[in-house]
PDB file of N, CA and C in Angstrom:
ATOM      1  N   MET A   1       0.981  -1.250  -0.091  1.00  0.00           N
ATOM      2  CA  MET A   1       0.015  -0.223  -0.008  1.00  0.00           C
ATOM      3  C   MET A   1       0.874   1.340   0.082  1.00  0.00           C
ATOM      4  N   THR A   2       0.625   2.097  -0.764  1.00  0.00           N
ATOM      5  CA  THR A   2       1.222   3.658  -0.779  1.00  0.00           C
ATOM      6  C   THR A   2       0.570   4.503   0.024  1.00  0.00           C
ATOM      7  N   ILE A   3       1.527   5.315   0.821  1.00  0.00           N
ATOM      8  CA  ILE A   3       0.856   6.482   1.586  1.00  0.00           C
ATOM      9  C   ILE A   3       1.550   7.581   0.922  1.00  0.00           C
ATOM     10  N   ILE A   4       0.134   8.457   0.662  1.00  0.00           N
ATOM     11  CA  ILE A   4       0.601   9.756  -0.076  1.00  0.00           C
ATOM     12  C   ILE A   4       0.707  10.854   1.112  1.00  0.00           C
ATOM     13  N   GLU A   5       1.959  11.450   1.065  1.00  0.00           N
ATOM     14  CA  GLU A   5       1.996  12.788   1.984  1.00  0.00           C
ATOM     15  C   GLU A   5       2.055  13.935   0.996  1.00  0.00           C
ATOM     16  N   PRO A   6       1.162  14.484   0.642  1.00  0.00           N
ATOM     17  CA  PRO A   6       1.396  15.811  -0.152  1.00  0.00           C
ATOM     18  C   PRO A   6       2.181  16.784   0.374  1.00  0.00           C
ATOM     19  N   ASN A   7       2.156  17.255   1.556  1.00  0.00           N
ATOM     20  CA  ASN A   7       3.017  18.321   2.152  1.00  0.00           C
ATOM     21  C   ASN A   7       4.486  17.994   2.618  1.00  0.00           C
ATOM     22  N   LYS A   8       4.947  16.764   2.399  1.00  0.00           N
ATOM     23  CA  LYS A   8       6.011  16.383   2.730  1.00  0.00           C
ATOM     24  C   LYS A   8       7.381  16.959   2.040  1.00  0.00           C
ATOM     25  N   HIS A   9       7.329  17.385   0.861  1.00  0.00           N
ATOM     26  CA  HIS A   9       8.523  17.971   0.226  1.00  0.00           C
ATOM     27  C   HIS A   9       8.185  19.448  -0.154  1.00  0.00           C
ATOM     28  N   LYS A  10       7.217  19.881   0.123  1.00  0.00           N
ATOM     29  CA  LYS A  10       6.758  21.267  -0.135  1.00  0.00           C
ATOM     30  C   LYS A  10       7.793  22.266   0.928  1.00  0.00           C
ATOM     31  N   TYR A  11       8.301  23.361   0.379  1.00  0.00           N
ATOM     32  CA  TYR A  11       9.200  24.145   1.266  1.00  0.00           C
ATOM     33  C   TYR A  11       8.331  25.350   1.877  1.00  0.00           C
ATOM     34  N   ASN A  12       8.624  25.482   3.029  1.00  0.00           N
ATOM     35  CA  ASN A  12       7.878  26.490   3.748  1.00  0.00           C
ATOM     36  C   ASN A  12       8.901  27.690   4.247  1.00  0.00           C
ATOM     37  N   PRO A  13       8.829  28.697   3.476  1.00  0.00           N
ATOM     38  CA  PRO A  13      10.052  29.718   3.791  1.00  0.00           C
ATOM     39  C   PRO A  13       9.649  30.252   5.098  1.00  0.00           C
ATOM     40  N   SER A  14      10.728  30.594   5.586  1.00  0.00           N
ATOM     41  CA  SER A  14      10.722  31.324   7.123  1.00  0.00           C
ATOM     42  C   SER A  14      10.504  32.800   7.095  1.00  0.00           C
ATOM     43  N   SER A  15       9.958  33.295   8.158  1.00  0.00           N
ATOM     44  CA  SER A  15       9.908  34.666   8.089  1.00  0.00           C
ATOM     45  C   SER A  15      11.015  35.513   7.745  1.00  0.00           C
ATOM     46  N   GLY A  16      12.045  35.061   8.296  1.00  0.00           N
ATOM     47  CA  GLY A  16      13.489  35.774   8.153  1.00  0.00           C
ATOM     48  C   GLY A  16      13.847  35.980   6.632  1.00  0.00           C
ATOM     49  N   PHE A  17      13.792  34.782   5.920  1.00  0.00           N
ATOM     50  CA  PHE A  17      13.976  34.926   4.475  1.00  0.00           C
ATOM     51  C   PHE A  17      13.219  35.767   3.684  1.00  0.00           C
ATOM     52  N   ILE A  18      11.812  35.753   3.972  1.00  0.00           N
ATOM     53  CA  ILE A  18      10.939  36.906   3.527  1.00  0.00           C
ATOM     54  C   ILE A  18      11.322  38.245   3.749  1.00  0.00           C
ATOM     55  N   LEU A  19      11.564  38.627   5.029  1.00  0.00           N
ATOM     56  CA  LEU A  19      12.136  39.874   5.293  1.00  0.00           C
ATOM     57  C   LEU A  19      13.370  40.412   4.554  1.00  0.00           C
ATOM     58  N   VAL A  20      14.400  39.203   4.411  1.00  0.00           N
ATOM     59  CA  VAL A  20      15.521  39.604   3.750  1.00  0.00           C
ATOM     60  C   VAL A  20      15.232  39.799   2.087  1.00  0.00           C
ATOM     61  N   ALA A  21      14.492  39.022   1.733  1.00  0.00           N
ATOM     62  CA  ALA A  21      14.017  39.180   0.202  1.00  0.00           C
ATOM     63  C   ALA A  21      13.347  40.591  -0.088  1.00  0.00           C
ATOM     64  N   GLY A  22      12.484  40.911   1.032  1.00  0.00           N
ATOM     65  CA  GLY A  22      11.708  42.140   0.913  1.00  0.00           C
ATOM     66  C   GLY A  22      12.689  43.216   0.986  1.00  0.00           C
ATOM     67  N   PHE A  23      13.632  43.241   1.908  1.00  0.00           N
ATOM     68  CA  PHE A  23      14.699  44.213   2.030  1.00  0.00           C
ATOM     69  C   PHE A  23      15.589  44.291   0.943  1.00  0.00           C
ATOM     70  N   ILE A  24      15.743  43.386   0.169  1.00  0.00           N
ATOM     71  CA  ILE A  24      16.575  43.522  -1.014  1.00  0.00           C
ATOM     72  C   ILE A  24      15.714  44.022  -2.048  1.00  0.00           C
ATOM     73  N   VAL A  25      14.621  43.740  -2.449  1.00  0.00           N
ATOM     74  CA  VAL A  25      13.770  44.243  -3.360  1.00  0.00           C
ATOM     75  C   VAL A  25      13.524  45.773  -3.139  1.00  0.00           C
ATOM     76  N   LEU A  26      13.220  46.085  -1.830  1.00  0.00           N
ATOM     77  CA  LEU A  26      13.069  47.491  -1.261  1.00  0.00           C
ATOM     78  C   LEU A  26      14.283  48.378  -1.714  1.00  0.00           C
ATOM     79  N   SER A  27      15.513  47.657  -1.381  1.00  0.00           N
ATOM     80  CA  SER A  27      16.638  48.474  -1.505  1.00  0.00           C
ATOM     81  C   SER A  27      17.059  48.690  -3.012  1.00  0.00           C
ATOM     82  N   ALA A  28      16.830  47.757  -3.849  1.00  0.00           N
ATOM     83  CA  ALA A  28      17.046  47.845  -5.180  1.00  0.00           C
ATOM     84  C   ALA A  28      16.150  48.901  -5.730  1.00  0.00           C
ATOM     85  N   PHE A  29      14.603  49.080  -5.396  1.00  0.00           N
ATOM     86  CA  PHE A  29      13.740  50.123  -5.976  1.00  0.00           C
ATOM     87  C   PHE A  29      14.095  51.289  -5.368  1.00  0.00           C
ATOM     88  N   LEU A  30      14.902  51.584  -4.045  1.00  0.00           N
ATOM     89  CA  LEU A  30      15.239  52.828  -3.725  1.00  0.00           C
ATOM     90  C   LEU A  30      16.436  53.256  -4.514  1.00  0.00           C
ATOM     91  N   SER A  31      17.344  52.288  -4.542  1.00  0.00           N
ATOM     92  CA  SER A  31      18.648  52.670  -5.420  1.00  0.00           C
ATOM     93  C   SER A  31      18.263  53.151  -6.796  1.00  0.00           C
ATOM     94  N   ILE A  32      17.324  52.450  -7.402  1.00  0.00           N
ATOM     95  CA  ILE A  32      17.035  52.887  -8.957  1.00  0.00           C
ATOM     96  C   ILE A  32      16.315  54.246  -8.864  1.00  0.00           C
ATOM     97  N   ASN A  33      15.339  54.303  -7.913  1.00  0.00           N
ATOM     98  CA  ASN A  33      14.924  55.817  -7.674  1.00  0.00           C
ATOM     99  C   ASN A  33      15.722  56.827  -7.394  1.00  0.00           C
ATOM    100  N   PHE A  34      16.618  56.672  -6.542  1.00  0.00           N
ATOM    101  CA  PHE A  34      17.802  57.527  -6.146  1.00  0.00           C
ATOM    102  C   PHE A  34      18.637  57.989  -7.372  1.00  0.00           C
ATOM    103  N   TYR A  35      19.027  56.900  -8.196  1.00  0.00           N
ATOM    104  CA  TYR A  35      19.853  57.207  -9.383  1.00  0.00           C
ATOM    105  C   TYR A  35      19.018  57.891 -10.382  1.00  0.00           C
ATOM    106  N   ASN A  36      17.642  57.778 -10.556  1.00  0.00           N
ATOM    107  CA  ASN A  36      17.046  58.535 -11.533  1.00  0.00           C
ATOM    108  C   ASN A  36      16.879  59.977 -11.012  1.00  0.00           C
ATOM    109  N   LYS A  37      16.840  60.348  -9.754  1.00  0.00           N
ATOM    110  CA  LYS A  37      16.660  61.520  -9.386  1.00  0.00           C
ATOM    111  C   LYS A  37      18.092  62.334  -9.555  1.00  0.00           C
ATOM    112  N   ASN A  38      19.020  61.419  -9.208  1.00  0.00           N
ATOM    113  CA  ASN A  38      20.466  62.099  -9.410  1.00  0.00           C
ATOM    114  C   ASN A  38      20.651  62.371 -10.950  1.00  0.00           C
ATOM    115  N   VAL A  39      20.244  61.749 -11.794  1.00  0.00           N
ATOM    116  CA  VAL A  39      20.426  61.817 -13.191  1.00  0.00           C
ATOM    117  C   VAL A  39      19.613  63.181 -13.710  1.00  0.00           C
ATOM    118  N   ASN A  40      18.420  63.307 -13.140  1.00  0.00           N
ATOM    119  CA  ASN A  40      17.572  64.524 -13.494  1.00  0.00           C
ATOM    120  C   ASN A  40      17.998  65.688 -12.992  1.00  0.00           C
ATOM    121  N   LEU A  41      18.590  65.602 -11.746  1.00  0.00           N
ATOM    122  CA  LEU A  41      19.382  66.739 -11.068  1.00  0.00           C
ATOM    123  C   LEU A  41      20.455  67.357 -11.918  1.00  0.00           C
ATOM    124  N   ARG A  42      21.222  66.396 -12.448  1.00  0.00           N
ATOM    125  CA  ARG A  42      22.269  66.572 -13.166  1.00  0.00           C
ATOM    126  C   ARG A  42      21.887  67.283 -14.624  1.00  0.00           C
ATOM    127  N   HIS A  43      20.835  66.910 -15.081  1.00  0.00           N
ATOM    128  CA  HIS A  43      20.456  67.530 -16.425  1.00  0.00           C
ATOM    129  C   HIS A  43      19.832  68.811 -16.124  1.00  0.00           C
ATOM    130  N   LEU A  44      19.174  69.037 -14.952  1.00  0.00           N
ATOM    131  CA  LEU A  44      18.648  70.357 -14.504  1.00  0.00           C
ATOM    132  C   LEU A  44      19.800  71.281 -14.296  1.00  0.00           C
ATOM    133  N   ILE A  45      20.868  70.867 -13.625  1.00  0.00           N
ATOM    134  CA  ILE A  45      21.973  71.994 -13.519  1.00  0.00           C
ATOM    135  C   ILE A  45      22.689  72.282 -14.896  1.00  0.00           C
ATOM    136  N   THR A  46      22.774  71.427 -15.596  1.00  0.00           N
ATOM    137  CA  THR A  46      23.445  71.401 -17.014  1.00  0.00           C
ATOM    138  C   THR A  46      22.474  72.444 -17.638  1.00  0.00           C
ATOM    139  N   SER A  47      21.420  72.321 -17.895  1.00  0.00           N
ATOM    140  CA  SER A  47      20.344  73.209 -18.603  1.00  0.00           C
ATOM    141  C   SER A  47      20.386  74.624 -17.805  1.00  0.00           C
ATOM    142  N   ASN A  48      20.580  74.772 -16.444  1.00  0.00           N
ATOM    143  CA  ASN A  48      20.391  75.918 -15.648  1.00  0.00           C
ATOM    144  C   ASN A  48      21.784  76.726 -15.852  1.00  0.00           C
ATOM    145  N   THR A  49      22.802  75.961 -15.938  1.00  0.00           N
ATOM    146  CA  THR A  49      24.124  76.567 -16.096  1.00  0.00           C
ATOM    147  C   THR A  49      24.190  77.321 -17.631  1.00  0.00           C
ATOM    148  N   LYS A  50      23.715  76.286 -18.545  1.00  0.00           N
ATOM    149  CA  LYS A  50      23.739  77.182 -19.863  1.00  0.00           C
ATOM    150  C   LYS A  50      22.775  78.531 -19.689  1.00  0.00           C
ATOM    151  N   ASN A  51      21.525  78.515 -18.988  1.00  0.00           N
ATOM    152  CA  ASN A  51      20.760  79.619 -19.206  1.00  0.00           C
ATOM    153  C   ASN A  51      21.450  80.739 -18.530  1.00  0.00           C
ATOM    154  N   LEU A  52      22.205  80.228 -17.529  1.00  0.00           N
ATOM    155  CA  LEU A  52      22.754  81.480 -16.519  1.00  0.00           C
ATOM    156  C   LEU A  52      23.955  82.147 -17.601  1.00  0.00           C
ATOM    157  N   GLN A  53      24.782  81.336 -18.351  1.00  0.00           N
ATOM    158  CA  GLN A  53      25.617  81.807 -19.281  1.00  0.00           C
ATOM    159  C   GLN A  53      25.051  82.858 -20.264  1.00  0.00           C
ATOM    160  N   GLU A  54      23.930  82.317 -20.745  1.00  0.00           N
ATOM    161  CA  GLU A  54      23.287  83.086 -21.704  1.00  0.00           C
ATOM    162  C   GLU A  54      22.704  84.544 -21.164  1.00  0.00           C
ATOM    163  N   MET A  55      22.386  84.526 -19.810  1.00  0.00           N
ATOM    164  CA  MET A  55      21.846  85.728 -19.145  1.00  0.00           C
ATOM    165  C   MET A  55      23.127  86.665 -18.852  1.00  0.00           C
ATOM    166  N   GLN A  56      24.298  86.070 -18.414  1.00  0.00           N
ATOM    167  CA  GLN A  56      25.359  86.702 -18.338  1.00  0.00           C
ATOM    168  C   GLN A  56      25.642  87.645 -19.651  1.00  0.00           C
ATOM    169  N   VAL A  57      25.745  86.772 -20.667  1.00  0.00           N
ATOM    170  CA  VAL A  57      26.062  87.476 -21.850  1.00  0.00           C
ATOM    171  C   VAL A  57      25.096  88.562 -22.411  1.00  0.00           C
ATOM    172  N   SER A  58      23.799  88.375 -22.192  1.00  0.00           N
ATOM    173  CA  SER A  58      22.968  89.497 -22.440  1.00  0.00           C
ATOM    174  C   SER A  58      23.035  90.581 -21.462  1.00  0.00           C
ATOM    175  N   ASN A  59      23.397  90.376 -20.180  1.00  0.00           N
ATOM    176  CA  ASN A  59      23.522  91.383 -19.106  1.00  0.00           C
ATOM    177  C   ASN A  59      24.693  92.129 -19.608  1.00  0.00           C
ATOM    178  N   ALA A  60      25.940  91.645 -20.139  1.00  0.00           N
ATOM    179  CA  ALA A  60      27.070  92.362 -20.437  1.00  0.00           C
ATOM    180  C   ALA A  60      26.650  93.160 -21.672  1.00  0.00           C
ATOM    181  N   GLU A  61      26.103  92.700 -22.566  1.00  0.00           N
ATOM    182  CA  GLU A  61      25.443  93.538 -23.807  1.00  0.00           C
ATOM    183  C   GLU A  61      24.719  94.825 -23.409  1.00  0.00           C
ATOM    184  N   PHE A  62      23.684  94.482 -22.419  1.00  0.00           N
ATOM    185  CA  PHE A  62      22.947  95.360 -21.897  1.00  0.00           C
ATOM    186  C   PHE A  62      23.545  96.466 -21.142  1.00  0.00           C
ATOM    187  N   LYS A  63      24.768  96.218 -20.357  1.00  0.00           N
ATOM    188  CA  LYS A  63      25.465  97.124 -19.660  1.00  0.00           C
ATOM    189  C   LYS A  63      26.438  97.691 -20.604  1.00  0.00           C
ATOM    190  N   ASP A  64      26.894  97.256 -21.788  1.00  0.00           N
ATOM    191  CA  ASP A  64      27.690  98.041 -22.666  1.00  0.00           C
ATOM    192  C   ASP A  64      26.872  99.050 -23.455  1.00  0.00           C
ATOM    193  N   LYS A  65      25.445  98.693 -23.737  1.00  0.00           N
ATOM    194  CA  LYS A  65      24.667  99.713 -24.382  1.00  0.00           C
ATOM    195  C   LYS A  65      24.292 100.784 -23.332  1.00  0.00           C
ATOM    196  N   LEU A  66      23.986 100.470 -22.167  1.00  0.00           N
ATOM    197  CA  LEU A  66      23.884 101.528 -21.199  1.00  0.00           C
ATOM    198  C   LEU A  66      24.935 102.506 -20.883  1.00  0.00           C
ATOM    199  N   TYR A  67      26.113 101.860 -20.770  1.00  0.00           N
ATOM    200  CA  TYR A  67      27.340 102.703 -20.526  1.00  0.00           C
ATOM    201  C   TYR A  67      27.385 103.491 -21.693  1.00  0.00           C
ATOM    202  N   SER A  68      27.503 103.113 -22.902  1.00  0.00           N
ATOM    203  CA  SER A  68      27.625 103.791 -23.979  1.00  0.00           C
ATOM    204  C   SER A  68      26.631 105.087 -24.144  1.00  0.00           C
ATOM    205  N   VAL A  69      25.478 104.772 -23.692  1.00  0.00           N
ATOM    206  CA  VAL A  69      24.455 105.887 -23.875  1.00  0.00           C
ATOM    207  C   VAL A  69      24.801 106.976 -22.635  1.00  0.00           C
ATOM    208  N   LEU A  70      25.192 106.555 -21.434  1.00  0.00           N
ATOM    209  CA  LEU A  70      25.345 107.449 -20.485  1.00  0.00           C
ATOM    210  C   LEU A  70      26.829 107.891 -20.140  1.00  0.00           C
ATOM    211  N   ALA A  71      27.642 107.891 -21.398  1.00  0.00           N
ATOM    212  CA  ALA A  71      29.049 108.377 -21.421  1.00  0.00           C
ATOM    213  C   ALA A  71      28.749 109.823 -21.471  1.00  0.00           C
ATOM    214  N   PRO A  72      29.580 110.736 -20.774  1.00  0.00           N
ATOM    215  CA  PRO A  72      29.574 111.987 -20.735  1.00  0.00           C
ATOM    216  C   PRO A  72      29.362 112.736 -22.010  1.00  0.00           C
ATOM    217  N   GLU A  73      30.308 112.462 -23.015  1.00  0.00           N
ATOM    218  CA  GLU A  73      30.158 112.845 -24.356  1.00  0.00           C
ATOM    219  C   GLU A  73      28.705 112.770 -25.116  1.00  0.00           C
ATOM    220  N   ASN A  74      28.142 111.553 -24.716  1.00  0.00           N
ATOM    221  CA  ASN A  74      26.601 111.269 -25.161  1.00  0.00           C
ATOM    222  C   ASN A  74      25.656 112.035 -24.649  1.00  0.00           C
ATOM    223  N   ILE A  75      25.886 112.349 -23.391  1.00  0.00           N
ATOM    224  CA  ILE A  75      24.877 113.002 -22.462  1.00  0.00           C
ATOM    225  C   ILE A  75      24.701 114.449 -23.053  1.00  0.00           C
ATOM    226  N   LYS A  76      25.832 115.161 -23.214  1.00  0.00           N
ATOM    227  CA  LYS A  76      25.735 116.575 -23.905  1.00  0.00           C
ATOM    228  C   LYS A  76      25.139 116.553 -25.101  1.00  0.00           C
ATOM    229  N   SER A  77      25.395 115.663 -25.998  1.00  0.00           N
ATOM    230  CA  SER A  77      24.664 115.460 -27.411  1.00  0.00           C
ATOM    231  C   SER A  77      23.148 115.255 -27.110  1.00  0.00           C
ATOM    232  N   LEU A  78      23.057 114.187 -26.246  1.00  0.00           N
ATOM    233  CA  LEU A  78      21.253 113.924 -25.989  1.00  0.00           C
ATOM    234  C   LEU A  78      20.764 115.295 -25.469  1.00  0.00           C
ATOM    235  N   ALA A  79      21.342 116.013 -24.657  1.00  0.00           N
ATOM    236  CA  ALA A  79      20.776 117.178 -23.848  1.00  0.00           C
ATOM    237  C   ALA A  79      20.638 118.310 -24.999  1.00  0.00           C
ATOM    238  N   GLN A  80      21.513 118.379 -25.714  1.00  0.00           N
ATOM    239  CA  GLN A  80      21.510 119.280 -27.017  1.00  0.00           C
ATOM    240  C   GLN A  80      20.225 119.000 -27.797  1.00  0.00           C
ATOM    241  N   SER A  81      20.022 117.772 -28.347  1.00  0.00           N
ATOM    242  CA  SER A  81      19.086 117.498 -29.129  1.00  0.00           C
ATOM    243  C   SER A  81      17.714 117.562 -28.681  1.00  0.00           C
ATOM    244  N   LEU A  82      17.587 117.448 -27.398  1.00  0.00           N
ATOM    245  CA  LEU A  82      16.164 117.687 -26.428  1.00  0.00           C
ATOM    246  C   LEU A  82      16.168 119.011 -26.160  1.00  0.00           C
ATOM    247  N   ASN A  83      17.000 119.852 -26.506  1.00  0.00           N
ATOM    248  CA  ASN A  83      16.829 121.512 -26.236  1.00  0.00           C
ATOM    249  C   ASN A  83      16.941 121.570 -24.661  1.00  0.00           C
ATOM    250  N   LEU A  84      17.658 120.806 -23.934  1.00  0.00           N
ATOM    251  CA  LEU A  84      17.859 121.183 -22.462  1.00  0.00           C
ATOM    252  C   LEU A  84      18.852 122.173 -22.210  1.00  0.00           C
ATOM    253  N   VAL A  85      18.797 122.761 -21.189  1.00  0.00           N
ATOM    254  CA  VAL A  85      19.741 124.013 -20.733  1.00  0.00           C
ATOM    255  C   VAL A  85      20.369 123.644 -19.620  1.00  0.00           C
ATOM    256  N   GLN A  86      21.604 123.760 -19.363  1.00  0.00           N
ATOM    257  CA  GLN A  86      22.172 123.504 -18.066  1.00  0.00           C
ATOM    258  C   GLN A  86      22.096 124.867 -17.244  1.00  0.00           C
ATOM    259  N   GLU A  87      21.559 124.683 -15.925  1.00  0.00           N
ATOM    260  CA  GLU A  87      21.512 125.771 -15.120  1.00  0.00           C
ATOM    261  C   GLU A  87      22.638 126.060 -14.387  1.00  0.00           C
ATOM    262  N   LYS A  88      22.901 127.408 -14.343  1.00  0.00           N
ATOM    263  CA  LYS A  88      24.168 127.853 -13.660  1.00  0.00           C
ATOM    264  C   LYS A  88      23.703 127.734 -12.081  1.00  0.00           C
ATOM    265  N   ARG A  89      22.711 128.117 -11.466  1.00  0.00           N
ATOM    266  CA  ARG A  89      22.447 128.147 -10.084  1.00  0.00           C
ATOM    267  C   ARG A  89      21.132 127.297  -9.921  1.00  0.00           C
ATOM    268  N   PRO A  90      21.347 125.969  -9.692  1.00  0.00           N
ATOM    269  CA  PRO A  90      20.089 125.078  -9.582  1.00  0.00           C
ATOM    270  C   PRO A  90      19.376 125.605  -8.142  1.00  0.00           C
ATOM    271  N   GLU A  91      18.174 125.396  -8.331  1.00  0.00           N
ATOM    272  CA  GLU A  91      17.529 125.412  -6.837  1.00  0.00           C
ATOM    273  C   GLU A  91      16.753 124.228  -6.448  1.00  0.00           C
ATOM    274  N   TYR A  92      17.044 123.701  -5.486  1.00  0.00           N
ATOM    275  CA  TYR A  92      16.721 122.256  -5.023  1.00  0.00           C
ATOM    276  C   TYR A  92      15.499 122.552  -4.102  1.00  0.00           C
ATOM    277  N   ILE A  93      14.658 121.489  -4.025  1.00  0.00           N
ATOM    278  CA  ILE A  93      13.640 121.534  -3.070  1.00  0.00           C
ATOM    279  C   ILE A  93      13.915 121.047  -1.751  1.00  0.00           C
ATOM    280  N   ASN A  94      13.637 121.929  -0.910  1.00  0.00           N
ATOM    281  CA  ASN A  94      13.925 121.588   0.688  1.00  0.00           C
ATOM    282  C   ASN A  94      12.692 121.175   1.392  1.00  0.00           C
ATOM    283  N   SER A  95      12.705 120.220   2.171  1.00  0.00           N
ATOM    284  CA  SER A  95      11.554 119.949   2.898  1.00  0.00           C
ATOM    285  C   SER A  95      11.246 120.607   4.180  1.00  0.00           C
ATOM    286  N   GLY A  96      12.353 121.202   4.548  1.00  0.00           N
ATOM    287  CA  GLY A  96      12.124 121.875   6.138  1.00  0.00           C
ATOM    288  C   GLY A  96      12.506 120.988   7.153  1.00  0.00           C
ATOM    289  N   LEU A  97      12.496 119.742   6.845  1.00  0.00           N
ATOM    290  CA  LEU A  97      12.709 118.923   8.023  1.00  0.00           C
ATOM    291  C   LEU A  97      14.346 118.573   8.221  1.00  0.00           C
ATOM    292  N   GLU A  98      14.562 118.615   9.409  1.00  0.00           N
ATOM    293  CA  GLU A  98      16.215 118.517   9.855  1.00  0.00           C
ATOM    294  C   GLU A  98      16.528 117.007   9.816  1.00  0.00           C
ATOM    295  N   PRO A  99      17.685 116.532   9.706  1.00  0.00           N
ATOM    296  CA  PRO A  99      18.076 115.101   9.848  1.00  0.00           C
ATOM    297  C   PRO A  99      17.878 114.660  11.431  1.00  0.00           C
ATOM    298  N   LEU A 100      17.583 113.539  11.585  1.00  0.00           N
ATOM    299  CA  LEU A 100      17.458 113.081  12.978  1.00  0.00           C
ATOM    300  C   LEU A 100      18.963 112.746  13.742  1.00  0.00           C
ATOM    301  N   ALA A 101      19.952 112.441  12.859  1.00  0.00           N
ATOM    302  CA  ALA A 101      21.163 112.117  13.241  1.00  0.00           C
ATOM    303  C   ALA A 101      22.080 112.803  12.437  1.00  0.00           C
ATOM    304  N   ARG A 102      23.253 113.465  13.179  1.00  0.00           N
ATOM    305  CA  ARG A 102      24.278 114.117  12.544  1.00  0.00           C
ATOM    306  C   ARG A 102      25.609 113.521  12.820  1.00  0.00           C
ATOM    307  N   ASN A 103      26.542 113.748  12.126  1.00  0.00           N
ATOM    308  CA  ASN A 103      27.951 113.180  12.505  1.00  0.00           C
ATOM    309  C   ASN A 103      28.689 114.110  13.284  1.00  0.00           C
TER     310      ASN A 103
END
């Protein structure tokens, strides 16, 4: 007569093995997630660096134009073209208030 024992060779994993396997899967997922965020950050830094360089160039061009307009020889020609006259004794507005602190 043959005795059938269906659960004799079935493997029953222990809770320690399940915890270790879960830890390995979780650490693999977190390391992939960390790597993806690191790569995205590097791409963002690269694009922002390029934008910063472009803005520095445009800022330098703007300053060059501004300084060329505000040059003393250009200011006089601009004042003459607008028919402005330089006053010999300019009068300034006084508020009548004295400063609170003096040196």
